[in-house]
Amino acid sequence: MGWLKESSVSLRFFGDDLVPEEVTSLLGCDPTVSATKGSTFTTSAGKSKTAQTGMWRLEQERNAPGDIEAQIVGLFARLTNDLKVWQSLTSRFESDLFCGLWLDGFNSGQPLRARTISMISDRSLKVDLDIYGDPEQEID
């Protein structure tokens, strides 16, 4: 099995009554992008959009080669360790840890250690994996 070509990790919260400043205050870190429902925000691609719901998103820098383990641990290191804060946020808002995985070949991947899985579980986050195959790779 080969390693990931690239990876990205983002923590995301969504909700109609989400107030980005509250989430920022509770987690102790400014988001990469945030918006209240109905407000206008600029995407990372520079496009202006209207938020269909409130959102708060913190992105880790994209890695090449991919290393989601380091990205997840690095992201959590920037935020509070107070699990009561996490429980409050994840019970009030849709939340996830979004992971984009770009494969280097047909059979690529990366393991996650139990410690990292426990960190995700302790924060009551679901994991959303978007996996992108190599379009040049033929499947027999």
C-alpha atoms as a PDB file:
ATOM      1  CA  MET A   1       0.000   0.000   0.000  1.00  0.00           C
ATOM      2  CA  GLY A   2       1.301   3.439  -0.937  1.00  0.00           C
ATOM      3  CA  TRP A   3       0.925   6.644   1.030  1.00  0.00           C
ATOM      4  CA  LEU A   4      -1.434   9.475   0.290  1.00  0.00           C
ATOM      5  CA  LYS A   5      -0.413  11.909  -2.415  1.00  0.00           C
ATOM      6  CA  GLU A   6      -2.059  14.839  -0.569  1.00  0.00           C
ATOM      7  CA  SER A   7      -4.421  15.416   2.328  1.00  0.00           C
ATOM      8  CA  SER A   8      -6.470  18.193   3.875  1.00  0.00           C
ATOM      9  CA  VAL A   9      -8.270  18.396   7.215  1.00  0.00           C
ATOM     10  CA  SER A  10     -10.929  20.868   8.365  1.00  0.00           C
ATOM     11  CA  LEU A  11     -13.036  21.134  11.498  1.00  0.00           C
ATOM     12  CA  ARG A  12     -16.556  22.271  10.605  1.00  0.00           C
ATOM     13  CA  PHE A  13     -19.603  23.442  12.571  1.00  0.00           C
ATOM     14  CA  PHE A  14     -22.963  24.315  10.949  1.00  0.00           C
ATOM     15  CA  GLY A  15     -26.273  25.572  12.317  1.00  0.00           C
ATOM     16  CA  ASP A  16     -28.936  28.190  11.661  1.00  0.00           C
ATOM     17  CA  ASP A  17     -28.326  29.798  15.062  1.00  0.00           C
ATOM     18  CA  LEU A  18     -24.535  29.459  14.992  1.00  0.00           C
ATOM     19  CA  VAL A  19     -22.742  32.661  16.005  1.00  0.00           C
ATOM     20  CA  PRO A  20     -19.127  32.402  14.803  1.00  0.00           C
ATOM     21  CA  GLU A  21     -17.757  34.666  17.543  1.00  0.00           C
ATOM     22  CA  GLU A  22     -19.191  32.331  20.203  1.00  0.00           C
ATOM     23  CA  VAL A  23     -17.548  29.262  18.642  1.00  0.00           C
ATOM     24  CA  THR A  24     -14.262  31.168  18.322  1.00  0.00           C
ATOM     25  CA  SER A  25     -14.423  32.195  21.972  1.00  0.00           C
ATOM     26  CA  LEU A  26     -15.220  28.663  23.169  1.00  0.00           C
ATOM     27  CA  LEU A  27     -12.565  26.912  21.057  1.00  0.00           C
ATOM     28  CA  GLY A  28      -9.909  29.595  21.533  1.00  0.00           C
ATOM     29  CA  CYS A  29      -8.935  29.942  17.880  1.00  0.00           C
ATOM     30  CA  ASP A  30      -9.973  32.098  14.942  1.00  0.00           C
ATOM     31  CA  PRO A  31     -11.606  30.185  12.070  1.00  0.00           C
ATOM     32  CA  THR A  32     -10.333  30.060   8.516  1.00  0.00           C
ATOM     33  CA  VAL A  33     -13.812  31.094   7.372  1.00  0.00           C
ATOM     34  CA  SER A  34     -17.086  31.735   9.192  1.00  0.00           C
ATOM     35  CA  ALA A  35     -20.481  33.292   8.608  1.00  0.00           C
ATOM     36  CA  THR A  36     -23.895  33.710  10.164  1.00  0.00           C
ATOM     37  CA  LYS A  37     -26.933  32.468   8.263  1.00  0.00           C
ATOM     38  CA  GLY A  38     -27.742  34.819   5.395  1.00  0.00           C
ATOM     39  CA  SER A  39     -24.490  36.765   5.547  1.00  0.00           C
ATOM     40  CA  THR A  40     -21.976  36.981   2.724  1.00  0.00           C
ATOM     41  CA  PHE A  41     -18.544  35.372   2.997  1.00  0.00           C
ATOM     42  CA  THR A  42     -15.569  34.778   0.735  1.00  0.00           C
ATOM     43  CA  THR A  43     -14.555  31.193  -0.043  1.00  0.00           C
ATOM     44  CA  SER A  44     -10.930  30.053  -0.044  1.00  0.00           C
ATOM     45  CA  ALA A  45     -11.174  30.217  -3.852  1.00  0.00           C
ATOM     46  CA  GLY A  46     -12.042  33.924  -3.586  1.00  0.00           C
ATOM     47  CA  LYS A  47     -15.729  33.632  -4.520  1.00  0.00           C
ATOM     48  CA  SER A  48     -18.416  35.569  -2.673  1.00  0.00           C
ATOM     49  CA  LYS A  49     -21.292  33.409  -1.361  1.00  0.00           C
ATOM     50  CA  THR A  50     -24.321  33.772   0.859  1.00  0.00           C
ATOM     51  CA  ALA A  51     -24.334  31.397   3.832  1.00  0.00           C
ATOM     52  CA  GLN A  52     -27.371  29.074   3.727  1.00  0.00           C
ATOM     53  CA  THR A  53     -26.751  28.345   7.419  1.00  0.00           C
ATOM     54  CA  GLY A  54     -24.313  29.563  10.041  1.00  0.00           C
ATOM     55  CA  MET A  55     -20.854  28.057   9.740  1.00  0.00           C
ATOM     56  CA  TRP A  56     -17.450  27.986  11.381  1.00  0.00           C
ATOM     57  CA  ARG A  57     -14.543  26.208   9.678  1.00  0.00           C
ATOM     58  CA  LEU A  58     -10.898  25.789  10.668  1.00  0.00           C
ATOM     59  CA  GLU A  59      -8.574  24.335   8.062  1.00  0.00           C
ATOM     60  CA  GLN A  60      -5.146  22.832   8.448  1.00  0.00           C
ATOM     61  CA  GLU A  61      -2.669  23.496   5.668  1.00  0.00           C
ATOM     62  CA  ARG A  62      -2.905  20.936   2.869  1.00  0.00           C
ATOM     63  CA  ASN A  63      -0.076  18.378   3.017  1.00  0.00           C
ATOM     64  CA  ALA A  64       1.843  16.821   0.145  1.00  0.00           C
ATOM     65  CA  PRO A  65       2.588  14.011   0.696  1.00  0.00           C
ATOM     66  CA  GLY A  66      -0.540  13.458   2.729  1.00  0.00           C
ATOM     67  CA  ASP A  67      -0.404  13.046   6.500  1.00  0.00           C
ATOM     68  CA  ILE A  68      -3.880  13.254   8.040  1.00  0.00           C
ATOM     69  CA  GLU A  69      -2.559  11.990  11.380  1.00  0.00           C
ATOM     70  CA  ALA A  70      -0.293  15.031  11.770  1.00  0.00           C
ATOM     71  CA  GLN A  71      -2.991  17.369  10.457  1.00  0.00           C
ATOM     72  CA  ILE A  72      -5.623  16.148  12.933  1.00  0.00           C
ATOM     73  CA  VAL A  73      -3.237  16.292  15.894  1.00  0.00           C
ATOM     74  CA  GLY A  74      -2.030  19.736  14.784  1.00  0.00           C
ATOM     75  CA  LEU A  75      -5.571  21.035  14.433  1.00  0.00           C
ATOM     76  CA  PHE A  76      -6.596  19.857  17.910  1.00  0.00           C
ATOM     77  CA  ALA A  77      -3.417  21.379  19.382  1.00  0.00           C
ATOM     78  CA  ARG A  78      -4.716  24.807  18.319  1.00  0.00           C
ATOM     79  CA  LEU A  79      -8.012  24.359  20.194  1.00  0.00           C
ATOM     80  CA  THR A  80      -9.273  23.899  23.738  1.00  0.00           C
ATOM     81  CA  ASN A  81      -8.927  20.498  25.397  1.00  0.00           C
ATOM     82  CA  ASP A  82     -12.045  21.136  27.508  1.00  0.00           C
ATOM     83  CA  LEU A  83     -14.310  18.261  26.506  1.00  0.00           C
ATOM     84  CA  LYS A  84     -17.352  19.979  28.050  1.00  0.00           C
ATOM     85  CA  VAL A  85     -16.929  22.754  25.466  1.00  0.00           C
ATOM     86  CA  TRP A  86     -16.745  20.155  22.692  1.00  0.00           C
ATOM     87  CA  GLN A  87     -19.819  18.325  24.025  1.00  0.00           C
ATOM     88  CA  SER A  88     -21.758  21.596  24.074  1.00  0.00           C
ATOM     89  CA  LEU A  89     -20.792  22.520  20.522  1.00  0.00           C
ATOM     90  CA  THR A  90     -21.349  19.083  18.992  1.00  0.00           C
ATOM     91  CA  SER A  91     -24.734  18.718  20.695  1.00  0.00           C
ATOM     92  CA  ARG A  92     -25.911  22.101  19.367  1.00  0.00           C
ATOM     93  CA  PHE A  93     -24.477  22.098  15.847  1.00  0.00           C
ATOM     94  CA  GLU A  94     -23.807  19.761  12.952  1.00  0.00           C
ATOM     95  CA  SER A  95     -20.109  19.107  13.241  1.00  0.00           C
ATOM     96  CA  ASP A  96     -17.442  17.027  11.601  1.00  0.00           C
ATOM     97  CA  LEU A  97     -13.815  16.572  10.830  1.00  0.00           C
ATOM     98  CA  PHE A  98     -13.613  16.775   7.052  1.00  0.00           C
ATOM     99  CA  CYS A  99     -10.664  14.908   5.522  1.00  0.00           C
ATOM    100  CA  GLY A 100      -9.778  15.171   1.841  1.00  0.00           C
ATOM    101  CA  LEU A 101      -7.541  12.323   0.684  1.00  0.00           C
ATOM    102  CA  TRP A 102      -5.823  12.298  -2.711  1.00  0.00           C
ATOM    103  CA  LEU A 103      -4.505   8.863  -3.642  1.00  0.00           C
ATOM    104  CA  ASP A 104      -1.131   8.319  -5.267  1.00  0.00           C
ATOM    105  CA  GLY A 105      -2.256   5.072  -6.838  1.00  0.00           C
ATOM    106  CA  PHE A 106      -4.947   2.427  -6.771  1.00  0.00           C
ATOM    107  CA  ASN A 107      -4.136   1.188  -3.270  1.00  0.00           C
ATOM    108  CA  SER A 108      -3.016   4.127  -1.124  1.00  0.00           C
ATOM    109  CA  GLY A 109      -3.845   5.040   2.429  1.00  0.00           C
ATOM    110  CA  GLN A 110      -2.656   5.939   5.891  1.00  0.00           C
ATOM    111  CA  PRO A 111      -3.365   4.441   9.295  1.00  0.00           C
ATOM    112  CA  LEU A 112      -4.646   6.445  12.265  1.00  0.00           C
ATOM    113  CA  ARG A 113      -3.321   5.621  15.727  1.00  0.00           C
ATOM    114  CA  ALA A 114      -5.743   4.764  18.527  1.00  0.00           C
ATOM    115  CA  ARG A 115      -4.734   7.975  20.327  1.00  0.00           C
ATOM    116  CA  THR A 116      -5.875  10.093  17.373  1.00  0.00           C
ATOM    117  CA  ILE A 117      -9.123   8.151  16.994  1.00  0.00           C
ATOM    118  CA  SER A 118      -9.726   8.660  20.714  1.00  0.00           C
ATOM    119  CA  MET A 119      -9.179  12.424  20.365  1.00  0.00           C
ATOM    120  CA  ILE A 120     -11.848  12.509  17.636  1.00  0.00           C
ATOM    121  CA  SER A 121     -14.255  10.356  19.642  1.00  0.00           C
ATOM    122  CA  ASP A 122     -13.736  12.333  22.866  1.00  0.00           C
ATOM    123  CA  ARG A 123     -14.868  15.447  20.979  1.00  0.00           C
ATOM    124  CA  SER A 124     -17.974  13.650  19.603  1.00  0.00           C
ATOM    125  CA  LEU A 125     -16.986  14.423  16.017  1.00  0.00           C
ATOM    126  CA  LYS A 126     -17.927  12.382  13.009  1.00  0.00           C
ATOM    127  CA  VAL A 127     -15.335  11.979  10.271  1.00  0.00           C
ATOM    128  CA  ASP A 128     -16.219  12.839   6.675  1.00  0.00           C
ATOM    129  CA  LEU A 129     -13.766  11.266   4.222  1.00  0.00           C
ATOM    130  CA  ASP A 130     -13.637  12.517   0.647  1.00  0.00           C
ATOM    131  CA  ILE A 131     -11.328  10.207  -1.302  1.00  0.00           C
ATOM    132  CA  TYR A 132     -10.026  11.193  -4.711  1.00  0.00           C
ATOM    133  CA  GLY A 133      -8.479   8.542  -6.962  1.00  0.00           C
ATOM    134  CA  ASP A 134      -5.689   9.116  -9.443  1.00  0.00           C
ATOM    135  CA  PRO A 135      -7.507   9.766 -12.754  1.00  0.00           C
ATOM    136  CA  GLU A 136      -4.445   8.479 -14.635  1.00  0.00           C
ATOM    137  CA  GLN A 137      -4.548   5.120 -12.839  1.00  0.00           C
ATOM    138  CA  GLU A 138      -6.322   2.323 -14.698  1.00  0.00           C
ATOM    139  CA  ILE A 139      -8.377  -0.201 -12.769  1.00  0.00           C
ATOM    140  CA  ASP A 140      -8.327  -3.739 -14.118  1.00  0.00           C
END
